[in-house]
Protein backbone atom coordinates (compact mmCIF):
# COMPACT_ATOMS: atom_id res chain seq x y z
CA UNK A 1 0.00 0.00 0.00
CA UNK A 2 1.31 3.45 -0.90
CA UNK A 3 0.67 6.26 1.55
CA UNK A 4 1.24 9.93 0.77
CA UNK A 5 2.08 11.94 3.87
CA UNK A 6 1.84 15.72 3.58
CA UNK A 7 3.39 17.69 6.43
CA UNK A 8 6.53 16.40 8.09
CA UNK A 9 6.85 18.63 11.10
CA UNK A 10 7.23 17.18 14.59
CA UNK A 11 3.90 15.37 14.76
CA UNK A 12 3.83 14.38 11.10
CA UNK A 13 7.31 12.88 11.18
CA UNK A 14 6.55 10.73 14.21
CA UNK A 15 3.31 9.43 12.69
CA UNK A 16 4.95 8.82 9.32
CA UNK A 17 7.84 6.84 10.83
CA UNK A 18 5.35 4.31 12.18
CA UNK A 19 3.60 4.00 8.82
CA UNK A 20 6.93 3.57 7.05
CA UNK A 21 7.54 0.33 8.97
CA UNK A 22 4.83 -1.45 6.97
CA UNK A 23 4.05 0.68 3.92
CA UNK A 24 5.60 2.52 1.01
CA UNK A 25 5.62 6.19 1.94
CA UNK A 26 5.82 9.27 -0.27
CA UNK A 27 6.29 12.47 1.72
CA UNK A 28 5.98 16.16 0.98
CA UNK A 29 6.67 19.23 3.09
CA UNK A 30 6.78 22.88 2.05
CA UNK A 31 10.27 22.92 3.61
CA UNK A 32 11.88 19.81 2.07
CA UNK A 33 14.68 19.63 4.65
CA UNK A 34 12.07 18.76 7.30
CA UNK A 35 11.52 15.45 5.50
CA UNK A 36 15.18 14.38 5.65
CA UNK A 37 14.68 12.04 8.61
CA UNK A 38 11.92 10.19 6.76
CA UNK A 39 13.89 10.01 3.52
CA UNK A 40 16.85 8.58 5.45
CA UNK A 41 14.49 5.95 6.85
CA UNK A 42 13.30 4.94 3.36
CA UNK A 43 10.53 7.33 2.34
CA UNK A 44 10.42 8.96 -1.08
CA UNK A 45 10.43 12.76 -1.17
CA UNK A 46 7.94 14.36 -3.57
CA UNK A 47 8.55 17.82 -4.98
CA UNK A 48 4.87 18.81 -4.80
CA UNK A 49 1.65 17.71 -3.11
CA UNK A 50 0.36 16.60 -6.52
CA UNK A 51 3.37 14.36 -7.04
CA UNK A 52 2.98 12.92 -3.55
CA UNK A 53 -0.64 11.84 -4.03
CA UNK A 54 -0.36 10.69 -7.66
CA UNK A 55 -0.07 6.96 -6.86
CA UNK A 56 -1.35 6.98 -3.28
CA UNK A 57 -3.93 4.60 -1.88
CA UNK A 58 -4.21 6.75 1.26
CA UNK A 59 -3.32 10.39 1.90
CA UNK A 60 -2.46 11.56 5.42
CA UNK A 61 -2.12 15.25 6.18
CA UNK A 62 -0.51 16.84 9.20
CA UNK A 63 -0.31 20.44 8.08
CA UNK A 64 0.21 23.77 9.86
CA UNK A 65 -3.47 24.62 10.31
CA UNK A 66 -6.86 24.89 8.63
CA UNK A 67 -5.79 27.60 6.18
CA UNK A 68 -2.97 25.39 4.93
CA UNK A 69 -5.36 22.43 4.58
CA UNK A 70 -7.67 24.61 2.49
CA UNK A 71 -4.80 25.95 0.35
CA UNK A 72 -2.99 22.66 -0.22
CA UNK A 73 -5.80 20.08 -0.23
CA UNK A 74 -9.36 21.39 -0.41
CA UNK A 75 -9.25 24.30 -2.87
CA UNK A 76 -7.16 22.49 -5.51
CA UNK A 77 -9.18 19.26 -4.99
CA UNK A 78 -5.92 17.41 -4.38
CA UNK A 79 -7.28 14.05 -3.22
CA UNK A 80 -8.18 11.78 -6.15
CA UNK A 81 -11.59 10.09 -6.16
CA UNK A 82 -11.56 6.81 -4.27
CA UNK A 83 -8.52 7.69 -2.15
CA UNK A 84 -8.91 7.73 1.63
CA UNK A 85 -7.88 11.04 3.25
CA UNK A 86 -6.90 11.10 6.92
CA UNK A 87 -6.32 14.60 8.30
CA UNK A 88 -4.38 14.86 11.58
CA UNK A 89 -3.99 18.64 11.41
CA UNK A 90 -4.88 20.42 14.64
CA UNK A 91 -7.96 22.56 13.96
CA UNK A 92 -10.84 24.09 15.89
CA UNK A 93 -14.24 22.37 16.00
CA UNK A 94 -15.54 25.04 13.61
CA UNK A 95 -12.86 24.21 11.05
CA UNK A 96 -13.35 20.46 11.38
PDB file of N, CA and C in Angstrom:
ATOM      1  N   UNK A   1       0.838  -1.170   0.000  1.00  0.00           N
ATOM      2  CA  UNK A   1       0.000   0.000   0.000  1.00  0.00           C
ATOM      3  C   UNK A   1       0.891   1.243   0.000  1.00  0.00           C
ATOM      4  N   UNK A   2       0.555   2.200  -0.827  1.00  0.00           N
ATOM      5  CA  UNK A   2       1.307   3.446  -0.895  1.00  0.00           C
ATOM      6  C   UNK A   2       0.553   4.538  -0.151  1.00  0.00           C
ATOM      7  N   UNK A   3       1.251   5.181   0.769  1.00  0.00           N
ATOM      8  CA  UNK A   3       0.668   6.264   1.554  1.00  0.00           C
ATOM      9  C   UNK A   3       1.418   7.551   1.235  1.00  0.00           C
ATOM     10  N   UNK A   4       0.664   8.592   0.920  1.00  0.00           N
ATOM     11  CA  UNK A   4       1.239   9.930   0.770  1.00  0.00           C
ATOM     12  C   UNK A   4       1.069  10.633   2.106  1.00  0.00           C
ATOM     13  N   UNK A   5       2.131  11.233   2.591  1.00  0.00           N
ATOM     14  CA  UNK A   5       2.082  11.943   3.872  1.00  0.00           C
ATOM     15  C   UNK A   5       2.518  13.382   3.622  1.00  0.00           C
ATOM     16  N   UNK A   6       1.588  14.301   3.820  1.00  0.00           N
ATOM     17  CA  UNK A   6       1.845  15.720   3.584  1.00  0.00           C
ATOM     18  C   UNK A   6       1.969  16.434   4.920  1.00  0.00           C
ATOM     19  N   UNK A   7       3.140  16.989   5.173  1.00  0.00           N
ATOM     20  CA  UNK A   7       3.388  17.690   6.428  1.00  0.00           C
ATOM     21  C   UNK A   7       4.285  16.875   7.328  1.00  0.00           C
ATOM     22  N   UNK A   8       5.564  17.190   7.324  1.00  0.00           N
ATOM     23  CA  UNK A   8       6.531  16.395   8.087  1.00  0.00           C
ATOM     24  C   UNK A   8       7.196  17.225   9.177  1.00  0.00           C
ATOM     25  N   UNK A   9       6.361  17.945   9.911  1.00  0.00           N
ATOM     26  CA  UNK A   9       6.846  18.632  11.103  1.00  0.00           C
ATOM     27  C   UNK A   9       7.014  17.623  12.224  1.00  0.00           C
ATOM     28  N   UNK A  10       7.005  18.093  13.454  1.00  0.00           N
ATOM     29  CA  UNK A  10       7.231  17.180  14.587  1.00  0.00           C
ATOM     30  C   UNK A  10       6.205  16.056  14.657  1.00  0.00           C
ATOM     31  N   UNK A  11       4.928  16.401  14.649  1.00  0.00           N
ATOM     32  CA  UNK A  11       3.899  15.372  14.757  1.00  0.00           C
ATOM     33  C   UNK A  11       3.856  14.500  13.502  1.00  0.00           C
ATOM     34  N   UNK A  12       3.899  15.132  12.336  1.00  0.00           N
ATOM     35  CA  UNK A  12       3.829  14.380  11.097  1.00  0.00           C
ATOM     36  C   UNK A  12       4.958  13.384  10.938  1.00  0.00           C
ATOM     37  N   UNK A  13       6.162  13.780  11.290  1.00  0.00           N
ATOM     38  CA  UNK A  13       7.309  12.878  11.176  1.00  0.00           C
ATOM     39  C   UNK A  13       7.137  11.661  12.064  1.00  0.00           C
ATOM     40  N   UNK A  14       6.722  11.862  13.292  1.00  0.00           N
ATOM     41  CA  UNK A  14       6.554  10.725  14.209  1.00  0.00           C
ATOM     42  C   UNK A  14       5.478   9.765  13.715  1.00  0.00           C
ATOM     43  N   UNK A  15       4.367  10.292  13.240  1.00  0.00           N
ATOM     44  CA  UNK A  15       3.314   9.432  12.694  1.00  0.00           C
ATOM     45  C   UNK A  15       3.812   8.691  11.455  1.00  0.00           C
ATOM     46  N   UNK A  16       4.476   9.408  10.573  1.00  0.00           N
ATOM     47  CA  UNK A  16       4.951   8.819   9.321  1.00  0.00           C
ATOM     48  C   UNK A  16       5.986   7.725   9.548  1.00  0.00           C
ATOM     49  N   UNK A  17       6.839   7.882  10.538  1.00  0.00           N
ATOM     50  CA  UNK A  17       7.839   6.842  10.831  1.00  0.00           C
ATOM     51  C   UNK A  17       7.180   5.513  11.158  1.00  0.00           C
ATOM     52  N   UNK A  18       6.071   5.551  11.867  1.00  0.00           N
ATOM     53  CA  UNK A  18       5.355   4.307  12.181  1.00  0.00           C
ATOM     54  C   UNK A  18       4.746   3.689  10.925  1.00  0.00           C
ATOM     55  N   UNK A  19       4.178   4.508  10.065  1.00  0.00           N
ATOM     56  CA  UNK A  19       3.598   3.997   8.820  1.00  0.00           C
ATOM     57  C   UNK A  19       4.660   3.416   7.903  1.00  0.00           C
ATOM     58  N   UNK A  20       5.834   4.002   7.914  1.00  0.00           N
ATOM     59  CA  UNK A  20       6.933   3.566   7.055  1.00  0.00           C
ATOM     60  C   UNK A  20       7.403   2.153   7.383  1.00  0.00           C
ATOM     61  N   UNK A  21       7.132   1.689   8.581  1.00  0.00           N
ATOM     62  CA  UNK A  21       7.538   0.329   8.969  1.00  0.00           C
ATOM     63  C   UNK A  21       6.833  -0.740   8.136  1.00  0.00           C
ATOM     64  N   UNK A  22       5.627  -0.435   7.667  1.00  0.00           N
ATOM     65  CA  UNK A  22       4.826  -1.447   6.969  1.00  0.00           C
ATOM     66  C   UNK A  22       4.367  -1.041   5.567  1.00  0.00           C
ATOM     67  N   UNK A  23       4.605   0.201   5.182  1.00  0.00           N
ATOM     68  CA  UNK A  23       4.053   0.684   3.918  1.00  0.00           C
ATOM     69  C   UNK A  23       5.071   1.510   3.142  1.00  0.00           C
ATOM     70  N   UNK A  24       4.827   1.603   1.839  1.00  0.00           N
ATOM     71  CA  UNK A  24       5.602   2.524   1.007  1.00  0.00           C
ATOM     72  C   UNK A  24       5.092   3.930   1.307  1.00  0.00           C
ATOM     73  N   UNK A  25       6.000   4.849   1.528  1.00  0.00           N
ATOM     74  CA  UNK A  25       5.615   6.193   1.944  1.00  0.00           C
ATOM     75  C   UNK A  25       6.236   7.236   1.024  1.00  0.00           C
ATOM     76  N   UNK A  26       5.379   8.123   0.521  1.00  0.00           N
ATOM     77  CA  UNK A  26       5.824   9.269  -0.267  1.00  0.00           C
ATOM     78  C   UNK A  26       5.495  10.499   0.567  1.00  0.00           C
ATOM     79  N   UNK A  27       6.489  11.333   0.825  1.00  0.00           N
ATOM     80  CA  UNK A  27       6.286  12.470   1.717  1.00  0.00           C
ATOM     81  C   UNK A  27       6.491  13.790   0.988  1.00  0.00           C
ATOM     82  N   UNK A  28       5.808  14.812   1.487  1.00  0.00           N
ATOM     83  CA  UNK A  28       5.985  16.164   0.983  1.00  0.00           C
ATOM     84  C   UNK A  28       5.908  17.130   2.156  1.00  0.00           C
ATOM     85  N   UNK A  29       6.733  18.138   2.127  1.00  0.00           N
ATOM     86  CA  UNK A  29       6.669  19.229   3.088  1.00  0.00           C
ATOM     87  C   UNK A  29       7.063  20.506   2.370  1.00  0.00           C
ATOM     88  N   UNK A  30       6.441  21.623   2.730  1.00  0.00           N
ATOM     89  CA  UNK A  30       6.780  22.882   2.051  1.00  0.00           C
ATOM     90  C   UNK A  30       8.240  23.270   2.266  1.00  0.00           C
ATOM     91  N   UNK A  31       8.838  22.769   3.363  1.00  0.00           N
ATOM     92  CA  UNK A  31      10.273  22.921   3.610  1.00  0.00           C
ATOM     93  C   UNK A  31      10.885  21.528   3.482  1.00  0.00           C
ATOM     94  N   UNK A  32      11.412  21.174   2.316  1.00  0.00           N
ATOM     95  CA  UNK A  32      11.878  19.805   2.075  1.00  0.00           C
ATOM     96  C   UNK A  32      12.868  19.268   3.104  1.00  0.00           C
ATOM     97  N   UNK A  33      13.689  20.111   3.679  1.00  0.00           N
ATOM     98  CA  UNK A  33      14.677  19.627   4.653  1.00  0.00           C
ATOM     99  C   UNK A  33      14.023  18.995   5.877  1.00  0.00           C
ATOM    100  N   UNK A  34      12.765  19.358   6.155  1.00  0.00           N
ATOM    101  CA  UNK A  34      12.072  18.763   7.301  1.00  0.00           C
ATOM    102  C   UNK A  34      11.683  17.307   7.051  1.00  0.00           C
ATOM    103  N   UNK A  35      11.825  16.844   5.822  1.00  0.00           N
ATOM    104  CA  UNK A  35      11.516  15.452   5.495  1.00  0.00           C
ATOM    105  C   UNK A  35      12.759  14.575   5.477  1.00  0.00           C
ATOM    106  N   UNK A  36      13.925  15.136   5.757  1.00  0.00           N
ATOM    107  CA  UNK A  36      15.181  14.378   5.647  1.00  0.00           C
ATOM    108  C   UNK A  36      15.204  13.128   6.514  1.00  0.00           C
ATOM    109  N   UNK A  37      14.692  13.208   7.717  1.00  0.00           N
ATOM    110  CA  UNK A  37      14.683  12.036   8.607  1.00  0.00           C
ATOM    111  C   UNK A  37      13.875  10.893   7.996  1.00  0.00           C
ATOM    112  N   UNK A  38      12.755  11.215   7.381  1.00  0.00           N
ATOM    113  CA  UNK A  38      11.920  10.188   6.757  1.00  0.00           C
ATOM    114  C   UNK A  38      12.579   9.623   5.504  1.00  0.00           C
ATOM    115  N   UNK A  39      13.191  10.476   4.721  1.00  0.00           N
ATOM    116  CA  UNK A  39      13.893  10.008   3.520  1.00  0.00           C
ATOM    117  C   UNK A  39      15.038   9.085   3.923  1.00  0.00           C
ATOM    118  N   UNK A  40      15.756   9.437   4.965  1.00  0.00           N
ATOM    119  CA  UNK A  40      16.850   8.584   5.451  1.00  0.00           C
ATOM    120  C   UNK A  40      16.336   7.233   5.929  1.00  0.00           C
ATOM    121  N   UNK A  41      15.085   7.196   6.375  1.00  0.00           N
ATOM    122  CA  UNK A  41      14.487   5.946   6.852  1.00  0.00           C
ATOM    123  C   UNK A  41      13.843   5.136   5.729  1.00  0.00           C
ATOM    124  N   UNK A  42      13.809   5.699   4.499  1.00  0.00           N
ATOM    125  CA  UNK A  42      13.295   4.939   3.363  1.00  0.00           C
ATOM    126  C   UNK A  42      12.127   5.544   2.617  1.00  0.00           C
ATOM    127  N   UNK A  43      11.627   6.683   3.048  1.00  0.00           N
ATOM    128  CA  UNK A  43      10.525   7.335   2.340  1.00  0.00           C
ATOM    129  C   UNK A  43      11.037   8.001   1.068  1.00  0.00           C
ATOM    130  N   UNK A  44      10.123   8.236   0.148  1.00  0.00           N
ATOM    131  CA  UNK A  44      10.423   8.957  -1.083  1.00  0.00           C
ATOM    132  C   UNK A  44       9.952  10.393  -0.923  1.00  0.00           C
ATOM    133  N   UNK A  45      10.789  11.351  -1.275  1.00  0.00           N
ATOM    134  CA  UNK A  45      10.427  12.763  -1.172  1.00  0.00           C
ATOM    135  C   UNK A  45       9.815  13.237  -2.484  1.00  0.00           C
ATOM    136  N   UNK A  46       8.603  13.781  -2.404  1.00  0.00           N
ATOM    137  CA  UNK A  46       7.937  14.357  -3.571  1.00  0.00           C
ATOM    138  C   UNK A  46       8.232  15.849  -3.627  1.00  0.00           C
ATOM    139  N   UNK A  47       8.263  16.397  -4.824  1.00  0.00           N
ATOM    140  CA  UNK A  47       8.553  17.822  -4.978  1.00  0.00           C
ATOM    141  C   UNK A  47       7.303  18.691  -4.890  1.00  0.00           C
ATOM    142  N   UNK A  48       6.124  18.054  -4.892  1.00  0.00           N
ATOM    143  CA  UNK A  48       4.870  18.810  -4.801  1.00  0.00           C
ATOM    144  C   UNK A  48       3.803  17.925  -4.163  1.00  0.00           C
ATOM    145  N   UNK A  49       2.745  18.524  -3.629  1.00  0.00           N
ATOM    146  CA  UNK A  49       1.645  17.709  -3.107  1.00  0.00           C
ATOM    147  C   UNK A  49       1.036  16.825  -4.197  1.00  0.00           C
ATOM    148  N   UNK A  50       0.932  17.371  -5.400  1.00  0.00           N
ATOM    149  CA  UNK A  50       0.360  16.604  -6.516  1.00  0.00           C
ATOM    150  C   UNK A  50       1.183  15.362  -6.820  1.00  0.00           C
ATOM    151  N   UNK A  51       2.493  15.508  -6.813  1.00  0.00           N
ATOM    152  CA  UNK A  51       3.369  14.360  -7.041  1.00  0.00           C
ATOM    153  C   UNK A  51       3.219  13.340  -5.914  1.00  0.00           C
ATOM    154  N   UNK A  52       3.091  13.821  -4.699  1.00  0.00           N
ATOM    155  CA  UNK A  52       2.982  12.919  -3.548  1.00  0.00           C
ATOM    156  C   UNK A  52       1.742  12.042  -3.627  1.00  0.00           C
ATOM    157  N   UNK A  53       0.618  12.602  -4.043  1.00  0.00           N
ATOM    158  CA  UNK A  53      -0.637  11.843  -4.025  1.00  0.00           C
ATOM    159  C   UNK A  53      -0.903  11.074  -5.313  1.00  0.00           C
ATOM    160  N   UNK A  54      -0.092  11.261  -6.333  1.00  0.00           N
ATOM    161  CA  UNK A  54      -0.362  10.694  -7.658  1.00  0.00           C
ATOM    162  C   UNK A  54      -0.632   9.193  -7.646  1.00  0.00           C
ATOM    163  N   UNK A  55       0.102   8.421  -6.879  1.00  0.00           N
ATOM    164  CA  UNK A  55      -0.073   6.963  -6.862  1.00  0.00           C
ATOM    165  C   UNK A  55      -0.499   6.462  -5.486  1.00  0.00           C
ATOM    166  N   UNK A  56      -1.024   7.352  -4.660  1.00  0.00           N
ATOM    167  CA  UNK A  56      -1.347   6.979  -3.280  1.00  0.00           C
ATOM    168  C   UNK A  56      -2.673   6.244  -3.169  1.00  0.00           C
ATOM    169  N   UNK A  57      -2.692   5.270  -2.260  1.00  0.00           N
ATOM    170  CA  UNK A  57      -3.934   4.602  -1.878  1.00  0.00           C
ATOM    171  C   UNK A  57      -4.597   5.355  -0.727  1.00  0.00           C
ATOM    172  N   UNK A  58      -3.763   5.977   0.096  1.00  0.00           N
ATOM    173  CA  UNK A  58      -4.211   6.745   1.259  1.00  0.00           C
ATOM    174  C   UNK A  58      -3.383   8.027   1.307  1.00  0.00           C
ATOM    175  N   UNK A  59      -4.023   9.125   1.689  1.00  0.00           N
ATOM    176  CA  UNK A  59      -3.322  10.391   1.903  1.00  0.00           C
ATOM    177  C   UNK A  59      -3.519  10.786   3.361  1.00  0.00           C
ATOM    178  N   UNK A  60      -2.415  11.074   4.041  1.00  0.00           N
ATOM    179  CA  UNK A  60      -2.459  11.560   5.420  1.00  0.00           C
ATOM    180  C   UNK A  60      -1.895  12.970   5.419  1.00  0.00           C
ATOM    181  N   UNK A  61      -2.613  13.887   6.071  1.00  0.00           N
ATOM    182  CA  UNK A  61      -2.119  15.252   6.183  1.00  0.00           C
ATOM    183  C   UNK A  61      -1.914  15.613   7.644  1.00  0.00           C
ATOM    184  N   UNK A  62      -0.832  16.311   7.878  1.00  0.00           N
ATOM    185  CA  UNK A  62      -0.508  16.844   9.200  1.00  0.00           C
ATOM    186  C   UNK A  62       0.104  18.223   8.953  1.00  0.00           C
ATOM    187  N   UNK A  63      -0.759  19.137   8.560  1.00  0.00           N
ATOM    188  CA  UNK A  63      -0.307  20.437   8.084  1.00  0.00           C
ATOM    189  C   UNK A  63      -0.364  21.489   9.188  1.00  0.00           C
ATOM    190  N   UNK A  64       0.048  22.716   8.866  1.00  0.00           N
ATOM    191  CA  UNK A  64       0.209  23.773   9.859  1.00  0.00           C
ATOM    192  C   UNK A  64      -1.108  24.208  10.500  1.00  0.00           C
ATOM    193  N   UNK A  65      -2.184  24.189   9.770  1.00  0.00           N
ATOM    194  CA  UNK A  65      -3.469  24.625  10.310  1.00  0.00           C
ATOM    195  C   UNK A  65      -4.530  24.584   9.234  1.00  0.00           C
ATOM    196  N   UNK A  66      -5.754  25.011   9.579  1.00  0.00           N
ATOM    197  CA  UNK A  66      -6.865  24.894   8.635  1.00  0.00           C
ATOM    198  C   UNK A  66      -6.665  25.681   7.340  1.00  0.00           C
ATOM    199  N   UNK A  67      -6.021  26.836   7.409  1.00  0.00           N
ATOM    200  CA  UNK A  67      -5.787  27.600   6.178  1.00  0.00           C
ATOM    201  C   UNK A  67      -4.878  26.838   5.223  1.00  0.00           C
ATOM    202  N   UNK A  68      -3.877  26.173   5.767  1.00  0.00           N
ATOM    203  CA  UNK A  68      -2.968  25.386   4.933  1.00  0.00           C
ATOM    204  C   UNK A  68      -3.696  24.191   4.332  1.00  0.00           C
ATOM    205  N   UNK A  69      -4.565  23.550   5.109  1.00  0.00           N
ATOM    206  CA  UNK A  69      -5.356  22.430   4.582  1.00  0.00           C
ATOM    207  C   UNK A  69      -6.213  22.917   3.415  1.00  0.00           C
ATOM    208  N   UNK A  70      -6.850  24.062   3.582  1.00  0.00           N
ATOM    209  CA  UNK A  70      -7.666  24.607   2.489  1.00  0.00           C
ATOM    210  C   UNK A  70      -6.805  24.912   1.257  1.00  0.00           C
ATOM    211  N   UNK A  71      -5.658  25.553   1.477  1.00  0.00           N
ATOM    212  CA  UNK A  71      -4.802  25.954   0.354  1.00  0.00           C
ATOM    213  C   UNK A  71      -4.163  24.781  -0.376  1.00  0.00           C
ATOM    214  N   UNK A  72      -3.738  23.773   0.374  1.00  0.00           N
ATOM    215  CA  UNK A  72      -2.989  22.657  -0.219  1.00  0.00           C
ATOM    216  C   UNK A  72      -3.903  21.530  -0.690  1.00  0.00           C
ATOM    217  N   UNK A  73      -4.987  21.273   0.046  1.00  0.00           N
ATOM    218  CA  UNK A  73      -5.796  20.085  -0.226  1.00  0.00           C
ATOM    219  C   UNK A  73      -7.185  20.399  -0.781  1.00  0.00           C
ATOM    220  N   UNK A  74      -7.944  21.220  -0.072  1.00  0.00           N
ATOM    221  CA  UNK A  74      -9.360  21.385  -0.411  1.00  0.00           C
ATOM    222  C   UNK A  74      -9.567  22.218  -1.678  1.00  0.00           C
ATOM    223  N   UNK A  75      -9.018  23.418  -1.722  1.00  0.00           N
ATOM    224  CA  UNK A  75      -9.245  24.302  -2.871  1.00  0.00           C
ATOM    225  C   UNK A  75      -8.773  23.684  -4.187  1.00  0.00           C
ATOM    226  N   UNK A  76      -7.580  23.089  -4.237  1.00  0.00           N
ATOM    227  CA  UNK A  76      -7.157  22.486  -5.514  1.00  0.00           C
ATOM    228  C   UNK A  76      -7.729  21.083  -5.763  1.00  0.00           C
ATOM    229  N   UNK A  77      -8.598  20.608  -4.845  1.00  0.00           N
ATOM    230  CA  UNK A  77      -9.181  19.255  -4.989  1.00  0.00           C
ATOM    231  C   UNK A  77      -8.074  18.225  -5.202  1.00  0.00           C
ATOM    232  N   UNK A  78      -7.144  18.215  -4.264  1.00  0.00           N
ATOM    233  CA  UNK A  78      -5.923  17.414  -4.382  1.00  0.00           C
ATOM    234  C   UNK A  78      -6.165  15.913  -4.301  1.00  0.00           C
ATOM    235  N   UNK A  79      -7.097  15.478  -3.467  1.00  0.00           N
ATOM    236  CA  UNK A  79      -7.285  14.047  -3.215  1.00  0.00           C
ATOM    237  C   UNK A  79      -8.061  13.413  -4.369  1.00  0.00           C
ATOM    238  N   UNK A  80      -7.470  12.443  -5.052  1.00  0.00           N
ATOM    239  CA  UNK A  80      -8.181  11.776  -6.151  1.00  0.00           C
ATOM    240  C   UNK A  80      -9.411  11.011  -5.649  1.00  0.00           C
ATOM    241  N   UNK A  81     -10.398  10.870  -6.505  1.00  0.00           N
ATOM    242  CA  UNK A  81     -11.586  10.086  -6.163  1.00  0.00           C
ATOM    243  C   UNK A  81     -11.179   8.683  -5.750  1.00  0.00           C
ATOM    244  N   UNK A  82     -11.817   8.168  -4.720  1.00  0.00           N
ATOM    245  CA  UNK A  82     -11.565   6.808  -4.267  1.00  0.00           C
ATOM    246  C   UNK A  82     -10.381   6.651  -3.336  1.00  0.00           C
ATOM    247  N   UNK A  83      -9.679   7.741  -3.045  1.00  0.00           N
ATOM    248  CA  UNK A  83      -8.519   7.688  -2.154  1.00  0.00           C
ATOM    249  C   UNK A  83      -8.950   8.156  -0.765  1.00  0.00           C
ATOM    250  N   UNK A  84      -8.589   7.389   0.246  1.00  0.00           N
ATOM    251  CA  UNK A  84      -8.913   7.734   1.630  1.00  0.00           C
ATOM    252  C   UNK A  84      -8.024   8.880   2.092  1.00  0.00           C
ATOM    253  N   UNK A  85      -8.629   9.899   2.718  1.00  0.00           N
ATOM    254  CA  UNK A  85      -7.885  11.040   3.251  1.00  0.00           C
ATOM    255  C   UNK A  85      -8.043  11.065   4.761  1.00  0.00           C
ATOM    256  N   UNK A  86      -6.925  11.022   5.463  1.00  0.00           N
ATOM    257  CA  UNK A  86      -6.901  11.103   6.925  1.00  0.00           C
ATOM    258  C   UNK A  86      -6.184  12.399   7.285  1.00  0.00           C
ATOM    259  N   UNK A  87      -6.903  13.313   7.940  1.00  0.00           N
ATOM    260  CA  UNK A  87      -6.318  14.600   8.299  1.00  0.00           C
ATOM    261  C   UNK A  87      -6.037  14.635   9.792  1.00  0.00           C
ATOM    262  N   UNK A  88      -4.772  14.798  10.164  1.00  0.00           N
ATOM    263  CA  UNK A  88      -4.383  14.863  11.576  1.00  0.00           C
ATOM    264  C   UNK A  88      -4.000  16.281  11.986  1.00  0.00           C
ATOM    265  N   UNK A  89      -4.295  17.240  11.126  1.00  0.00           N
ATOM    266  CA  UNK A  89      -3.991  18.639  11.411  1.00  0.00           C
ATOM    267  C   UNK A  89      -4.804  19.105  12.612  1.00  0.00           C
ATOM    268  N   UNK A  90      -4.175  19.868  13.498  1.00  0.00           N
ATOM    269  CA  UNK A  90      -4.885  20.420  14.642  1.00  0.00           C
ATOM    270  C   UNK A  90      -5.717  21.612  14.175  1.00  0.00           C
ATOM    271  N   UNK A  91      -7.043  21.498  14.363  1.00  0.00           N
ATOM    272  CA  UNK A  91      -7.963  22.564  13.964  1.00  0.00           C
ATOM    273  C   UNK A  91      -9.025  22.748  15.040  1.00  0.00           C
ATOM    274  N   UNK A  92      -9.732  23.839  14.967  1.00  0.00           N
ATOM    275  CA  UNK A  92     -10.835  24.094  15.894  1.00  0.00           C
ATOM    276  C   UNK A  92     -12.045  23.262  15.483  1.00  0.00           C
ATOM    277  N   UNK A  93     -13.018  23.094  16.381  1.00  0.00           N
ATOM    278  CA  UNK A  93     -14.237  22.371  16.002  1.00  0.00           C
ATOM    279  C   UNK A  93     -14.941  23.023  14.809  1.00  0.00           C
ATOM    280  N   UNK A  94     -14.889  24.337  14.724  1.00  0.00           N
ATOM    281  CA  UNK A  94     -15.537  25.038  13.613  1.00  0.00           C
ATOM    282  C   UNK A  94     -14.876  24.703  12.274  1.00  0.00           C
ATOM    283  N   UNK A  95     -13.574  24.528  12.292  1.00  0.00           N
ATOM    284  CA  UNK A  95     -12.861  24.208  11.054  1.00  0.00           C
ATOM    285  C   UNK A  95     -12.941  22.736  10.686  1.00  0.00           C
ATOM    286  N   UNK A  96     -13.245  21.896  11.652  1.00  0.00           N
ATOM    287  CA  UNK A  96     -13.346  20.461  11.375  1.00  0.00           C
ATOM    288  C   UNK A  96     -14.556  20.217  10.512  1.00  0.00           C
TER     289      UNK A  96
END
